C-alpha atoms as a PDB file:
ATOM      1  CA  MET A   1       0.000   0.000   0.000  1.00  0.00           C
ATOM      2  CA  GLY A   2       1.221   3.555  -0.765  1.00  0.00           C
ATOM      3  CA  LEU A   3      -0.039   7.083  -0.150  1.00  0.00           C
ATOM      4  CA  THR A   4      -0.159   9.871  -2.721  1.00  0.00           C
ATOM      5  CA  ARG A   5      -1.332  13.428  -2.166  1.00  0.00           C
ATOM      6  CA  SER A   6      -3.797  15.123  -4.498  1.00  0.00           C
ATOM      7  CA  ALA A   7      -2.344  18.573  -5.316  1.00  0.00           C
ATOM      8  CA  ALA A   8      -5.670  19.947  -6.469  1.00  0.00           C
ATOM      9  CA  ALA A   9      -7.717  19.134  -3.418  1.00  0.00           C
ATOM     10  CA  GLY A  10      -5.018  18.657  -0.782  1.00  0.00           C
ATOM     11  CA  ARG A  11      -6.502  15.276   0.028  1.00  0.00           C
ATOM     12  CA  THR A  12      -4.673  11.987   0.594  1.00  0.00           C
ATOM     13  CA  ALA A  13      -5.616   9.170  -1.797  1.00  0.00           C
ATOM     14  CA  VAL A  14      -5.046   5.562  -0.821  1.00  0.00           C
ATOM     15  CA  MET A  15      -3.437   3.577  -3.649  1.00  0.00           C
ATOM     16  CA  THR A  16      -3.663  -0.191  -3.112  1.00  0.00           C
ATOM     17  CA  THR A  17      -1.263  -2.431  -5.019  1.00  0.00           C
ATOM     18  CA  THR A  18      -2.319  -6.087  -5.323  1.00  0.00           C
ATOM     19  CA  LEU A  19      -1.573  -9.237  -7.295  1.00  0.00           C
ATOM     20  CA  ARG A  20      -4.465 -10.563  -9.385  1.00  0.00           C
ATOM     21  CA  PRO A  21      -4.141 -14.138 -10.741  1.00  0.00           C
ATOM     22  CA  THR A  22      -4.591 -14.400 -14.512  1.00  0.00           C
ATOM     23  CA  GLU A  23      -4.811 -18.200 -14.528  1.00  0.00           C
ATOM     24  CA  PRO A  24      -5.551 -21.103 -12.184  1.00  0.00           C
ATOM     25  CA  LEU A  25      -2.645 -22.404 -10.117  1.00  0.00           C
ATOM     26  CA  GLN A  26      -0.683 -24.722 -12.396  1.00  0.00           C
ATOM     27  CA  ARG A  27       0.377 -28.029 -10.817  1.00  0.00           C
ATOM     28  CA  ALA A  28       2.805 -30.327 -12.632  1.00  0.00           C
ATOM     29  CA  ALA A  29       2.953 -34.083 -12.128  1.00  0.00           C
ATOM     30  CA  ASP A  30       6.130 -33.723 -10.065  1.00  0.00           C
ATOM     31  CA  GLY A  31       4.470 -31.218  -7.694  1.00  0.00           C
ATOM     32  CA  ALA A  32       5.926 -28.068  -9.248  1.00  0.00           C
ATOM     33  CA  LEU A  33       3.727 -24.968  -8.990  1.00  0.00           C
ATOM     34  CA  SER A  34       3.415 -21.972 -11.302  1.00  0.00           C
ATOM     35  CA  ARG A  35       1.086 -18.992 -11.610  1.00  0.00           C
ATOM     36  CA  HIS A  36       0.957 -15.704 -13.540  1.00  0.00           C
ATOM     37  CA  TYR A  37      -0.420 -12.534 -11.966  1.00  0.00           C
ATOM     38  CA  GLN A  38      -1.243  -8.976 -12.926  1.00  0.00           C
ATOM     39  CA  VAL A  39       0.100  -6.237 -10.675  1.00  0.00           C
ATOM     40  CA  CYS A  40      -2.856  -3.903 -10.106  1.00  0.00           C
ATOM     41  CA  VAL A  41      -3.210  -0.495  -8.469  1.00  0.00           C
ATOM     42  CA  ASN A  42      -6.807   0.058  -7.362  1.00  0.00           C
ATOM     43  CA  GLY A  43      -7.774  -2.592  -9.915  1.00  0.00           C
ATOM     44  CA  ARG A  44      -5.808  -1.018 -12.782  1.00  0.00           C
ATOM     45  CA  PRO A  45      -3.165  -3.335 -14.333  1.00  0.00           C
ATOM     46  CA  VAL A  46       0.328  -1.826 -14.114  1.00  0.00           C
ATOM     47  CA  GLY A  47       2.584  -4.878 -14.486  1.00  0.00           C
ATOM     48  CA  ALA A  48       2.982  -8.627 -14.230  1.00  0.00           C
ATOM     49  CA  VAL A  49       4.520 -11.310 -12.016  1.00  0.00           C
ATOM     50  CA  HIS A  50       5.292 -14.944 -12.778  1.00  0.00           C
ATOM     51  CA  LEU A  51       5.917 -17.011  -9.643  1.00  0.00           C
ATOM     52  CA  MET A  52       6.928 -20.663  -9.705  1.00  0.00           C
ATOM     53  CA  THR A  53       8.616 -23.286  -7.588  1.00  0.00           C
ATOM     54  CA  HIS A  54      12.259 -23.822  -8.450  1.00  0.00           C
ATOM     55  CA  PRO A  55      12.869 -26.265 -11.325  1.00  0.00           C
ATOM     56  CA  VAL A  56      16.018 -27.623  -9.632  1.00  0.00           C
ATOM     57  CA  PHE A  57      15.685 -27.070  -5.882  1.00  0.00           C
ATOM     58  CA  GLY A  58      12.084 -28.285  -5.847  1.00  0.00           C
ATOM     59  CA  PRO A  59       8.874 -27.216  -4.107  1.00  0.00           C
ATOM     60  CA  GLY A  60      10.580 -25.811  -1.017  1.00  0.00           C
ATOM     61  CA  VAL A  61      12.112 -22.969  -3.054  1.00  0.00           C
ATOM     62  CA  ALA A  62      10.184 -20.344  -5.009  1.00  0.00           C
ATOM     63  CA  ARG A  63      11.440 -18.430  -8.012  1.00  0.00           C
ATOM     64  CA  ILE A  64      10.239 -15.072  -9.278  1.00  0.00           C
ATOM     65  CA  ALA A  65      10.646 -15.843 -12.971  1.00  0.00           C
ATOM     66  CA  ASP A  66       9.360 -12.425 -14.066  1.00  0.00           C
ATOM     67  CA  LEU A  67       8.402  -9.162 -12.378  1.00  0.00           C
ATOM     68  CA  ARG A  68       7.624  -6.167 -14.582  1.00  0.00           C
ATOM     69  CA  ILE A  69       6.095  -2.773 -13.888  1.00  0.00           C
ATOM     70  CA  GLU A  70       5.019  -0.682 -16.867  1.00  0.00           C
ATOM     71  CA  GLU A  71       7.085   2.438 -17.498  1.00  0.00           C
ATOM     72  CA  PRO A  72       4.500   5.080 -16.405  1.00  0.00           C
ATOM     73  CA  ASP A  73       4.127   3.404 -12.993  1.00  0.00           C
ATOM     74  CA  ARG A  74       7.770   2.835 -12.162  1.00  0.00           C
ATOM     75  CA  GLY A  75       9.453   4.636  -9.281  1.00  0.00           C
ATOM     76  CA  ARG A  76       6.310   4.594  -7.129  1.00  0.00           C
ATOM     77  CA  GLY A  77       6.942   1.508  -5.033  1.00  0.00           C
ATOM     78  CA  ARG A  78       4.798  -0.805  -7.169  1.00  0.00           C
ATOM     79  CA  GLY A  79       7.659  -3.254  -7.697  1.00  0.00           C
ATOM     80  CA  THR A  80       8.450  -3.380  -3.986  1.00  0.00           C
ATOM     81  CA  VAL A  81       4.864  -4.216  -3.056  1.00  0.00           C
ATOM     82  CA  ALA A  82       4.603  -6.763  -5.886  1.00  0.00           C
ATOM     83  CA  ALA A  83       7.785  -8.524  -4.729  1.00  0.00           C
ATOM     84  CA  LEU A  84       6.566  -8.634  -1.129  1.00  0.00           C
ATOM     85  CA  ALA A  85       3.196  -9.971  -2.285  1.00  0.00           C
ATOM     86  CA  ALA A  86       4.958 -12.675  -4.308  1.00  0.00           C
ATOM     87  CA  GLU A  87       6.914 -13.657  -1.192  1.00  0.00           C
ATOM     88  CA  GLU A  88       3.655 -13.985   0.736  1.00  0.00           C
ATOM     89  CA  VAL A  89       2.231 -16.268  -1.963  1.00  0.00           C
ATOM     90  CA  ALA A  90       5.419 -18.351  -1.832  1.00  0.00           C
ATOM     91  CA  ARG A  91       5.043 -18.725   1.934  1.00  0.00           C
ATOM     92  CA  GLY A  92       1.516 -19.967   1.335  1.00  0.00           C
ATOM     93  CA  TRP A  93       2.956 -22.588  -1.013  1.00  0.00           C
ATOM     94  CA  GLY A  94       5.220 -23.790   1.803  1.00  0.00           C
ATOM     95  CA  CYS A  95       8.427 -22.384   0.331  1.00  0.00           C
ATOM     96  CA  ARG A  96      11.297 -21.612   2.692  1.00  0.00           C
ATOM     97  CA  ARG A  97      13.459 -19.685   0.226  1.00  0.00           C
ATOM     98  CA  ILE A  98      12.883 -17.516  -2.831  1.00  0.00           C
ATOM     99  CA  GLU A  99      15.250 -16.725  -5.700  1.00  0.00           C
ATOM    100  CA  LEU A 100      15.333 -14.425  -8.707  1.00  0.00           C
ATOM    101  CA  ARG A 101      17.657 -13.390 -11.518  1.00  0.00           C
ATOM    102  CA  VAL A 102      18.225  -9.731 -12.339  1.00  0.00           C
ATOM    103  CA  PRO A 103      19.849  -8.447 -15.570  1.00  0.00           C
ATOM    104  CA  ALA A 104      23.118  -6.658 -14.846  1.00  0.00           C
ATOM    105  CA  ASP A 105      21.894  -3.483 -16.559  1.00  0.00           C
ATOM    106  CA  ALA A 106      18.707  -3.321 -14.421  1.00  0.00           C
ATOM    107  CA  GLY A 107      20.207  -1.147 -11.690  1.00  0.00           C
ATOM    108  CA  ALA A 108      16.893  -0.069 -10.208  1.00  0.00           C
ATOM    109  CA  ALA A 109      15.674  -3.672  -9.923  1.00  0.00           C
ATOM    110  CA  LEU A 110      18.938  -4.752  -8.319  1.00  0.00           C
ATOM    111  CA  ARG A 111      18.737  -1.948  -5.755  1.00  0.00           C
ATOM    112  CA  LEU A 112      15.107  -2.859  -5.018  1.00  0.00           C
ATOM    113  CA  VAL A 113      15.713  -6.538  -4.289  1.00  0.00           C
ATOM    114  CA  THR A 114      18.880  -5.793  -2.333  1.00  0.00           C
ATOM    115  CA  ALA A 115      16.892  -3.390  -0.147  1.00  0.00           C
ATOM    116  CA  LEU A 116      14.359  -6.187   0.407  1.00  0.00           C
ATOM    117  CA  GLY A 117      17.067  -8.429   1.830  1.00  0.00           C
ATOM    118  CA  TYR A 118      18.028 -10.543  -1.167  1.00  0.00           C
ATOM    119  CA  VAL A 119      21.646 -11.745  -1.172  1.00  0.00           C
ATOM    120  CA  HIS A 120      23.865 -12.353  -4.209  1.00  0.00           C
ATOM    121  CA  ARG A 121      24.551 -16.023  -4.951  1.00  0.00           C
ATOM    122  CA  ASN A 122      26.291 -15.867  -8.311  1.00  0.00           C
ATOM    123  CA  HIS A 123      26.953 -13.643 -11.305  1.00  0.00           C
ATOM    124  CA  GLY A 124      26.568 -14.551 -14.977  1.00  0.00           C
ATOM    125  CA  LEU A 125      29.446 -13.258 -17.114  1.00  0.00           C
ATOM    126  CA  ARG A 126      29.918 -13.008 -20.880  1.00  0.00           C
ATOM    127  CA  LYS A 127      32.639 -12.153 -23.365  1.00  0.00           C
ATOM    128  CA  PRO A 128      32.561 -11.839 -27.167  1.00  0.00           C
ATOM    129  CA  LEU A 129      35.362 -13.828 -28.766  1.00  0.00           C
ATOM    130  CA  GLY A 130      37.457 -12.923 -31.778  1.00  0.00           C
ATOM    131  CA  ASP A 131      38.540 -15.163 -34.646  1.00  0.00           C
ATOM    132  CA  THR A 132      41.981 -15.997 -33.258  1.00  0.00           C
ATOM    133  CA  ALA A 133      42.788 -17.579 -29.913  1.00  0.00           C
ATOM    134  CA  SER A 134      45.610 -16.368 -27.682  1.00  0.00           C
ATOM    135  CA  GLU A 135      48.633 -18.628 -27.273  1.00  0.00           C
ATOM    136  CA  LEU A 136      49.081 -20.568 -24.059  1.00  0.00           C
ATOM    137  CA  PRO A 137      52.182 -19.711 -22.010  1.00  0.00           C
ATOM    138  CA  ALA A 138      55.367 -21.596 -22.855  1.00  0.00           C
ATOM    139  CA  GLY A 139      55.363 -25.068 -21.328  1.00  0.00           C
ATOM    140  CA  SER A 140      51.557 -25.263 -21.020  1.00  0.00           C
ATOM    141  CA  ARG A 141      49.254 -27.393 -23.151  1.00  0.00           C
ATOM    142  CA  GLY A 142      45.753 -28.781 -23.021  1.00  0.00           C
ATOM    143  CA  ARG A 143      44.852 -32.413 -23.627  1.00  0.00           C
ATOM    144  CA  PRO A 144      41.682 -34.563 -23.320  1.00  0.00           C
ATOM    145  CA  MET A 145      40.850 -35.936 -19.876  1.00  0.00           C
ATOM    146  CA  THR A 146      41.316 -39.706 -19.552  1.00  0.00           C
ATOM    147  CA  GLU A 147      38.807 -42.195 -18.175  1.00  0.00           C
ATOM    148  CA  ALA A 148      41.084 -42.792 -15.198  1.00  0.00           C
ATOM    149  CA  GLU A 149      41.049 -39.076 -14.429  1.00  0.00           C
ATOM    150  CA  TYR A 150      37.322 -38.587 -14.968  1.00  0.00           C
ATOM    151  CA  GLY A 151      36.027 -40.498 -11.905  1.00  0.00           C
ATOM    152  CA  PRO A 152      38.114 -38.611  -9.303  1.00  0.00           C
ATOM    153  CA  TRP A 153      37.412 -35.341 -11.128  1.00  0.00           C
ATOM    154  CA  LEU A 154      33.656 -36.007 -10.985  1.00  0.00           C
ATOM    155  CA  ASP A 155      33.749 -36.818  -7.263  1.00  0.00           C
ATOM    156  CA  ARG A 156      35.693 -33.629  -6.510  1.00  0.00           C
ATOM    157  CA  GLY A 157      33.419 -31.569  -8.721  1.00  0.00           C
ATOM    158  CA  VAL A 158      30.171 -32.761  -7.131  1.00  0.00           C
ATOM    159  CA  ALA A 159      31.544 -32.229  -3.617  1.00  0.00           C
ATOM    160  CA  GLY A 160      33.041 -28.826  -4.403  1.00  0.00           C
ATOM    161  CA  TYR A 161      29.927 -27.523  -6.145  1.00  0.00           C
ATOM    162  CA  ALA A 162      27.728 -28.694  -3.271  1.00  0.00           C
ATOM    163  CA  GLN A 163      29.986 -26.964  -0.747  1.00  0.00           C
ATOM    164  CA  ASP A 164      29.941 -23.732  -2.756  1.00  0.00           C
ATOM    165  CA  LEU A 165      26.139 -23.803  -2.659  1.00  0.00           C
ATOM    166  CA  ILE A 166      26.101 -24.563   1.074  1.00  0.00           C
ATOM    167  CA  ASP A 167      28.489 -21.667   1.717  1.00  0.00           C
ATOM    168  CA  ARG A 168      26.042 -19.376  -0.059  1.00  0.00           C
ATOM    169  CA  GLY A 169      22.960 -20.281   1.892  1.00  0.00           C
ATOM    170  CA  VAL A 170      21.585 -23.386   0.192  1.00  0.00           C
ATOM    171  CA  PRO A 171      20.561 -26.093   2.715  1.00  0.00           C
ATOM    172  CA  GLU A 172      22.914 -29.083   2.639  1.00  0.00           C
ATOM    173  CA  ASP A 173      20.443 -31.624   1.273  1.00  0.00           C
ATOM    174  CA  GLN A 174      19.351 -29.287  -1.524  1.00  0.00           C
ATOM    175  CA  ALA A 175      22.951 -28.368  -2.347  1.00  0.00           C
ATOM    176  CA  TRP A 176      24.013 -32.001  -2.750  1.00  0.00           C
ATOM    177  CA  GLY A 177      20.856 -32.765  -4.713  1.00  0.00           C
ATOM    178  CA  LYS A 178      21.416 -29.902  -7.123  1.00  0.00           C
ATOM    179  CA  SER A 179      25.088 -30.755  -7.554  1.00  0.00           C
ATOM    180  CA  ARG A 180      24.424 -34.408  -8.345  1.00  0.00           C
ATOM    181  CA  GLN A 181      21.527 -33.497 -10.633  1.00  0.00           C
ATOM    182  CA  ASP A 182      23.472 -30.872 -12.563  1.00  0.00           C
ATOM    183  CA  TYR A 183      26.425 -33.166 -13.157  1.00  0.00           C
ATOM    184  CA  GLY A 184      24.195 -36.148 -13.959  1.00  0.00           C
ATOM    185  CA  VAL A 185      21.862 -34.314 -16.328  1.00  0.00           C
ATOM    186  CA  LEU A 186      24.568 -32.396 -18.140  1.00  0.00           C
ATOM    187  CA  SER A 187      27.050 -35.242 -18.600  1.00  0.00           C
ATOM    188  CA  PRO A 188      25.019 -38.483 -18.646  1.00  0.00           C
ATOM    189  CA  ALA A 189      27.584 -40.278 -20.822  1.00  0.00           C
ATOM    190  CA  GLY A 190      30.651 -38.991 -19.011  1.00  0.00           C
ATOM    191  CA  LEU A 191      33.535 -38.149 -21.318  1.00  0.00           C
ATOM    192  CA  ALA A 192      31.471 -39.294 -24.316  1.00  0.00           C
ATOM    193  CA  THR A 193      28.635 -36.801 -23.683  1.00  0.00           C
ATOM    194  CA  GLU A 194      27.763 -34.916 -26.866  1.00  0.00           C
ATOM    195  CA  ASN A 195      28.756 -31.230 -27.094  1.00  0.00           C
ATOM    196  CA  MET A 196      31.091 -31.511 -24.089  1.00  0.00           C
ATOM    197  CA  LEU A 197      34.857 -31.241 -23.766  1.00  0.00           C
ATOM    198  CA  PHE A 198      36.706 -32.390 -20.650  1.00  0.00           C
ATOM    199  CA  SER A 199      40.318 -31.277 -20.641  1.00  0.00           C
ATOM    200  CA  VAL A 200      43.435 -31.323 -18.503  1.00  0.00           C
ATOM    201  CA  LEU A 201      45.949 -28.482 -18.513  1.00  0.00           C
ATOM    202  CA  GLU A 202      49.544 -29.610 -18.229  1.00  0.00           C
ATOM    203  CA  HIS A 203      52.540 -27.418 -17.468  1.00  0.00           C
ATOM    204  CA  GLN A 204      55.910 -28.902 -18.282  1.00  0.00           C
ATOM    205  CA  GLY A 205      54.279 -32.316 -18.391  1.00  0.00           C
ATOM    206  CA  THR A 206      52.539 -32.087 -15.002  1.00  0.00           C
ATOM    207  CA  PRO A 207      48.700 -31.904 -14.769  1.00  0.00           C
ATOM    208  CA  VAL A 208      47.885 -28.592 -13.059  1.00  0.00           C
ATOM    209  CA  GLY A 209      44.171 -28.014 -13.758  1.00  0.00           C
ATOM    210  CA  THR A 210      40.958 -29.208 -15.389  1.00  0.00           C
ATOM    211  CA  LEU A 211      38.365 -27.652 -17.691  1.00  0.00           C
ATOM    212  CA  TRP A 212      34.767 -28.609 -18.528  1.00  0.00           C
ATOM    213  CA  MET A 213      33.413 -26.898 -21.652  1.00  0.00           C
ATOM    214  CA  VAL A 214      29.849 -27.080 -22.988  1.00  0.00           C
ATOM    215  CA  PHE A 215      28.524 -26.170 -26.457  1.00  0.00           C
ATOM    216  CA  LEU A 216      24.721 -25.987 -26.263  1.00  0.00           C
ATOM    217  CA  ASP A 217      23.734 -23.653 -29.100  1.00  0.00           C
ATOM    218  CA  ASP A 218      24.990 -22.235 -32.362  1.00  0.00           C
ATOM    219  CA  ASP A 219      27.004 -19.236 -31.198  1.00  0.00           C
ATOM    220  CA  LYS A 220      27.771 -19.644 -27.483  1.00  0.00           C
ATOM    221  CA  ALA A 221      30.109 -21.753 -25.420  1.00  0.00           C
ATOM    222  CA  SER A 222      29.999 -22.094 -21.641  1.00  0.00           C
ATOM    223  CA  VAL A 223      32.631 -22.845 -19.039  1.00  0.00           C
ATOM    224  CA  PHE A 224      30.838 -25.170 -16.622  1.00  0.00           C
ATOM    225  CA  ASP A 225      33.801 -25.977 -14.404  1.00  0.00           C
ATOM    226  CA  ILE A 226      37.376 -24.792 -14.153  1.00  0.00           C
ATOM    227  CA  GLU A 227      39.808 -25.784 -11.439  1.00  0.00           C
ATOM    228  CA  THR A 228      43.486 -25.352 -10.738  1.00  0.00           C
ATOM    229  CA  GLY A 229      45.042 -28.025  -8.547  1.00  0.00           C
ATOM    230  CA  GLU A 230      45.519 -26.791  -4.999  1.00  0.00           C
ATOM    231  CA  ALA A 231      49.301 -27.215  -5.116  1.00  0.00           C
ATOM    232  CA  PHE A 232      49.535 -25.144  -8.308  1.00  0.00           C
ATOM    233  CA  ARG A 233      47.403 -22.116  -7.485  1.00  0.00           C
ATOM    234  CA  GLY A 234      48.722 -18.587  -7.680  1.00  0.00           C
ATOM    235  CA  ARG A 235      50.973 -19.354 -10.643  1.00  0.00           C
ATOM    236  CA  GLY A 236      48.801 -18.126 -13.516  1.00  0.00           C
ATOM    237  CA  HIS A 237      47.338 -21.499 -14.461  1.00  0.00           C
ATOM    238  CA  GLY A 238      43.784 -20.214 -13.993  1.00  0.00           C
ATOM    239  CA  ARG A 239      44.414 -17.692 -16.759  1.00  0.00           C
ATOM    240  CA  SER A 240      45.904 -20.446 -18.928  1.00  0.00           C
ATOM    241  CA  LEU A 241      42.786 -22.573 -18.391  1.00  0.00           C
ATOM    242  CA  MET A 242      40.595 -19.691 -19.524  1.00  0.00           C
ATOM    243  CA  LEU A 243      42.779 -19.147 -22.600  1.00  0.00           C
ATOM    244  CA  LEU A 244      42.404 -22.861 -23.333  1.00  0.00           C
ATOM    245  CA  ALA A 245      38.615 -22.531 -22.952  1.00  0.00           C
ATOM    246  CA  GLU A 246      38.503 -19.621 -25.378  1.00  0.00           C
ATOM    247  CA  ALA A 247      40.662 -21.496 -27.885  1.00  0.00           C
ATOM    248  CA  GLN A 248      38.298 -24.489 -27.731  1.00  0.00           C
ATOM    249  CA  ALA A 249      35.266 -22.234 -28.187  1.00  0.00           C
ATOM    250  CA  ILE A 250      36.763 -20.507 -31.218  1.00  0.00           C
ATOM    251  CA  ALA A 251      37.774 -23.850 -32.723  1.00  0.00           C
ATOM    252  CA  ALA A 252      34.149 -25.004 -32.319  1.00  0.00           C
ATOM    253  CA  GLY A 253      32.899 -21.937 -34.189  1.00  0.00           C
ATOM    254  CA  ARG A 254      31.518 -20.125 -31.131  1.00  0.00           C
ATOM    255  CA  ARG A 255      31.953 -16.395 -30.795  1.00  0.00           C
ATOM    256  CA  VAL A 256      30.486 -15.787 -27.318  1.00  0.00           C
ATOM    257  CA  MET A 257      31.622 -17.286 -24.011  1.00  0.00           C
ATOM    258  CA  ASP A 258      29.383 -17.524 -20.927  1.00  0.00           C
ATOM    259  CA  LEU A 259      30.213 -18.560 -17.376  1.00  0.00           C
ATOM    260  CA  ASN A 260      28.989 -18.205 -13.801  1.00  0.00           C
ATOM    261  CA  VAL A 261      31.032 -17.174 -10.784  1.00  0.00           C
ATOM    262  CA  PHE A 262      29.903 -17.396  -7.180  1.00  0.00           C
ATOM    263  CA  ALA A 263      29.571 -14.035  -5.456  1.00  0.00           C
ATOM    264  CA  GLY A 264      32.505 -13.333  -3.173  1.00  0.00           C
ATOM    265  CA  ASN A 265      35.028 -15.398  -5.168  1.00  0.00           C
ATOM    266  CA  THR A 266      37.232 -12.326  -5.538  1.00  0.00           C
ATOM    267  CA  PRO A 267      40.265 -13.964  -7.225  1.00  0.00           C
ATOM    268  CA  ALA A 268      38.047 -15.515  -9.908  1.00  0.00           C
ATOM    269  CA  GLU A 269      36.088 -12.289 -10.407  1.00  0.00           C
ATOM    270  CA  ARG A 270      39.349 -10.344 -10.879  1.00  0.00           C
ATOM    271  CA  LEU A 271      40.679 -12.925 -13.326  1.00  0.00           C
ATOM    272  CA  TYR A 272      37.548 -12.863 -15.467  1.00  0.00           C
ATOM    273  CA  ALA A 273      37.397  -9.062 -15.433  1.00  0.00           C
ATOM    274  CA  SER A 274      41.035  -8.868 -16.545  1.00  0.00           C
ATOM    275  CA  LEU A 275      40.182 -11.143 -19.487  1.00  0.00           C
ATOM    276  CA  GLY A 276      37.278  -8.930 -20.587  1.00  0.00           C
ATOM    277  CA  TYR A 277      34.282 -10.740 -19.097  1.00  0.00           C
ATOM    278  CA  VAL A 278      31.413  -8.488 -18.007  1.00  0.00           C
ATOM    279  CA  PRO A 279      28.337  -9.220 -15.847  1.00  0.00           C
ATOM    280  CA  VAL A 280      25.094  -9.917 -17.702  1.00  0.00           C
ATOM    281  CA  ALA A 281      22.913 -11.113 -14.796  1.00  0.00           C
ATOM    282  CA  HIS A 282      22.860 -11.665 -11.037  1.00  0.00           C
ATOM    283  CA  THR A 283      21.137 -14.478  -9.135  1.00  0.00           C
ATOM    284  CA  LEU A 284      19.960 -13.557  -5.627  1.00  0.00           C
ATOM    285  CA  TYR A 285      18.120 -15.408  -2.860  1.00  0.00           C
ATOM    286  CA  LYS A 286      16.265 -14.691   0.369  1.00  0.00           C
ATOM    287  CA  TYR A 287      15.001 -16.883   3.191  1.00  0.00           C
ATOM    288  CA  LEU A 288      11.280 -16.633   3.887  1.00  0.00           C
ATOM    289  CA  LEU A 289      10.812 -16.395   7.647  1.00  0.00           C
END
């Protein structure tokens, strides 16, 4: 609810912002929920909200898939009230946490959700690639991962990804579930999975890091996992791994590289920025008390 003053009459008008469903509650076979709403001020539509349960974390986590306020009604608190109303609906669904993704250029939206207590979980980054890849440093080369290396790499990856999620507020059971699901869904055939490259970076013949690359559409490549061995960190191998990733993307005909970095991973954020990667979106979360 907000208050506006009528200049002509000097009276105070009560402006009530509400969510009005535009469809019945959608229930999928697996229990997932979804519903679209209009954002209304005194019954007048001024925007839209799409609320759903999370496709990965399940029915205990809500996701604001879309929240839009029409241009003439922005800057009047409509978005704030709509977000709070969506949280109340999510509580009614039994959700304990709510998440959303904000474009990096939507400064006003980012300030709004931050003021409402949402916390950064990760940032989506992007870089356009040229036609020619940079050379790896002398003594460094990339090679395909072997079957013997894949099993230990997978175990470390699942555990590390789960811990990263736990460190950023995801409950332990959900974090492990998401980690196992992501790895299982994305690489069902292991090293033979189509449109995937699993590589090892060697320096002077010694394995120093690993790279997981994914090619899911015509023009983009994604770095899904990159890791420098603990004993070899701080020696520039992370940069070499990224140069290897870019070379693989260019060789596959991709001209855009995407990746995600967890918020607060300052060394990684600095590395990516130095290589020309810029934020395109932010994922934030909030616990529903």
